[in-house]
Amino acid sequence: MIMEFIVYFNRQDPAIERFERQFETHLPAFNFEALMSIDQLAGRLRSLNQNRLKTVVVLFAADWQDLVDILAIREFLVDVKIVLVLPDHRKETISAGHRLRPRYIGYADGSQEDVVAVLEKMLTQSFDKYNMEKQGVAHGK
């Protein structure tokens, strides 16, 4: 497995729809696993084991309470790559979001093209690393 994408959102909204369109356009060969409750997300993260380093979790925090709920399970997010989409640009929201140590922070009012571009870059880096490791093994290094 090169990379696995898990997307959490607790309700359908325009940001999710924009993300899905961008993902399908820019990463058509890949799928993501959609989880719509914090309990589903926590359970899925607990089951990752050795695949944690090859997992990207995109977290759409619908509102402040949703972000608080995500923060409550942050111990399950250790060693996974996090892309966080915040519900607003308030200072306290951004500060709380940084406690998750995301690779990237986007906002629900954005196009989501930037979020998918970050996923593309992560995927490219993962492929490059995989190919380098494969070449090293093939050359006896």
Protein backbone atom coordinates (compact mmCIF):
# COMPACT_ATOMS: atom_id res chain seq x y z
CA MET A 1 0.00 0.00 0.00
CA ILE A 2 1.38 3.37 -1.02
CA MET A 3 -1.09 5.56 0.86
CA GLU A 4 -4.54 5.37 2.42
CA PHE A 5 -6.95 8.29 2.69
CA ILE A 6 -9.53 8.57 5.47
CA VAL A 7 -11.92 11.52 5.47
CA TYR A 8 -13.95 12.49 8.54
CA PHE A 9 -16.96 14.77 8.45
CA ASN A 10 -19.98 14.64 10.72
CA ARG A 11 -22.47 16.16 8.31
CA GLN A 12 -22.73 16.84 4.62
CA ASP A 13 -22.06 20.44 3.65
CA PRO A 14 -20.79 22.38 0.63
CA ALA A 15 -17.12 22.06 1.71
CA ILE A 16 -17.38 18.27 1.57
CA GLU A 17 -19.03 18.41 -1.85
CA ARG A 18 -16.26 20.70 -3.17
CA PHE A 19 -13.63 18.39 -1.69
CA GLU A 20 -15.20 15.30 -3.31
CA ARG A 21 -15.29 17.00 -6.73
CA GLN A 22 -11.65 18.10 -6.44
CA PHE A 23 -10.52 14.68 -5.19
CA GLU A 24 -12.27 12.89 -8.08
CA THR A 25 -10.75 15.34 -10.58
CA HIS A 26 -7.17 15.33 -9.31
CA LEU A 27 -6.84 11.84 -7.81
CA PRO A 28 -9.16 9.71 -9.97
CA ALA A 29 -7.21 6.49 -9.37
CA PHE A 30 -7.69 6.74 -5.60
CA ASN A 31 -10.59 6.47 -3.20
CA PHE A 32 -11.08 7.65 0.33
CA GLU A 33 -12.87 6.06 3.21
CA ALA A 34 -15.58 8.40 4.51
CA LEU A 35 -16.40 8.31 8.22
CA MET A 36 -19.27 10.36 9.60
CA SER A 37 -18.98 9.99 13.37
CA ILE A 38 -16.23 10.58 15.86
CA ASP A 39 -16.72 7.03 17.18
CA GLN A 40 -16.24 5.57 13.69
CA LEU A 41 -13.10 7.66 13.27
CA ALA A 42 -11.65 6.61 16.64
CA GLY A 43 -12.40 2.94 15.92
CA ARG A 44 -10.83 3.10 12.47
CA LEU A 45 -7.72 4.84 13.77
CA ARG A 46 -7.29 2.21 16.50
CA SER A 47 -7.28 -0.49 13.82
CA LEU A 48 -4.46 1.00 11.69
CA ASN A 49 -1.48 -0.65 13.46
CA GLN A 50 1.55 -0.74 11.09
CA ASN A 51 -0.24 1.27 8.37
CA ARG A 52 -0.28 4.45 10.46
CA LEU A 53 2.67 6.00 8.64
CA LYS A 54 1.00 5.44 5.27
CA THR A 55 -2.32 6.98 6.27
CA VAL A 56 -3.57 10.49 5.62
CA VAL A 57 -6.60 11.63 7.61
CA VAL A 58 -8.53 14.63 6.32
CA LEU A 59 -10.56 16.10 9.17
CA PHE A 60 -13.45 18.43 8.38
CA ALA A 61 -14.37 20.11 11.67
CA ALA A 62 -17.96 21.28 11.15
CA ASP A 63 -17.95 23.65 14.11
CA TRP A 64 -16.20 24.38 17.40
CA GLN A 65 -17.77 21.39 19.19
CA ASP A 66 -16.70 19.05 16.40
CA LEU A 67 -13.13 20.33 16.71
CA VAL A 68 -13.27 19.74 20.48
CA ASP A 69 -14.48 16.17 19.80
CA ILE A 70 -11.59 15.60 17.39
CA LEU A 71 -9.14 16.94 19.95
CA ALA A 72 -10.52 14.47 22.49
CA ILE A 73 -9.31 11.55 20.33
CA ARG A 74 -5.98 13.04 19.28
CA GLU A 75 -4.02 10.17 20.89
CA PHE A 76 -5.36 7.98 18.05
CA LEU A 77 -3.99 10.45 15.48
CA VAL A 78 -0.35 9.93 16.48
CA ASP A 79 1.84 9.00 13.49
CA VAL A 80 -0.82 9.66 10.86
CA LYS A 81 -0.57 12.57 8.47
CA ILE A 82 -3.34 15.06 9.21
CA VAL A 83 -4.93 17.60 6.90
CA LEU A 84 -7.36 19.75 8.85
CA VAL A 85 -10.23 21.80 7.47
CA LEU A 86 -11.43 24.34 10.02
CA PRO A 87 -14.93 25.82 10.17
CA ASP A 88 -13.80 29.43 10.59
CA HIS A 89 -10.81 31.76 10.78
CA ARG A 90 -11.14 32.70 14.46
CA LYS A 91 -7.90 32.87 16.41
CA GLU A 92 -9.04 30.32 19.03
CA THR A 93 -10.18 27.89 16.34
CA ILE A 94 -6.83 28.08 14.56
CA SER A 95 -4.94 27.72 17.84
CA ALA A 96 -6.97 24.65 18.82
CA GLY A 97 -6.47 23.17 15.35
CA HIS A 98 -2.70 23.47 15.65
CA ARG A 99 -2.82 21.20 18.70
CA LEU A 100 -3.52 18.33 16.28
CA ARG A 101 -0.17 19.05 14.56
CA PRO A 102 -1.62 18.95 11.03
CA ARG A 103 0.50 18.97 7.90
CA TYR A 104 -1.89 21.52 6.44
CA ILE A 105 -4.82 23.66 7.57
CA GLY A 106 -7.56 24.68 5.15
CA TYR A 107 -10.92 26.33 5.73
CA ALA A 108 -14.48 25.22 5.02
CA ASP A 109 -15.19 28.41 3.07
CA GLY A 110 -12.36 27.65 0.60
CA SER A 111 -12.51 25.82 -2.73
CA GLN A 112 -10.85 22.69 -1.26
CA GLU A 113 -8.54 22.68 -4.29
CA ASP A 114 -5.66 23.55 -1.94
CA VAL A 115 -6.52 20.61 0.34
CA VAL A 116 -6.47 18.18 -2.59
CA ALA A 117 -3.23 19.72 -3.90
CA VAL A 118 -1.63 18.92 -0.52
CA LEU A 119 -2.88 15.32 -0.80
CA GLU A 120 -1.42 15.09 -4.31
CA LYS A 121 1.94 16.29 -3.03
CA MET A 122 1.87 13.80 -0.15
CA LEU A 123 1.05 11.03 -2.60
CA THR A 124 3.89 12.06 -4.93
CA GLN A 125 6.35 12.08 -2.03
CA SER A 126 5.12 8.66 -0.95
CA PHE A 127 5.60 7.28 -4.48
CA ASP A 128 9.08 8.79 -4.66
CA LYS A 129 10.04 7.25 -1.31
CA TYR A 130 8.58 3.88 -2.35
CA ASN A 131 10.53 3.94 -5.65
CA MET A 132 13.78 4.90 -3.89
CA GLU A 133 13.35 2.07 -1.39
CA LYS A 134 12.57 -0.34 -4.21
CA GLN A 135 15.66 0.74 -6.17
CA GLY A 136 17.82 0.38 -3.08
CA VAL A 137 16.62 -3.18 -2.59
CA ALA A 138 17.04 -3.97 -6.29
CA HIS A 139 20.62 -2.69 -6.25
CA GLY A 140 21.53 -4.48 -3.03
CA LYS A 141 21.98 -1.26 -1.07
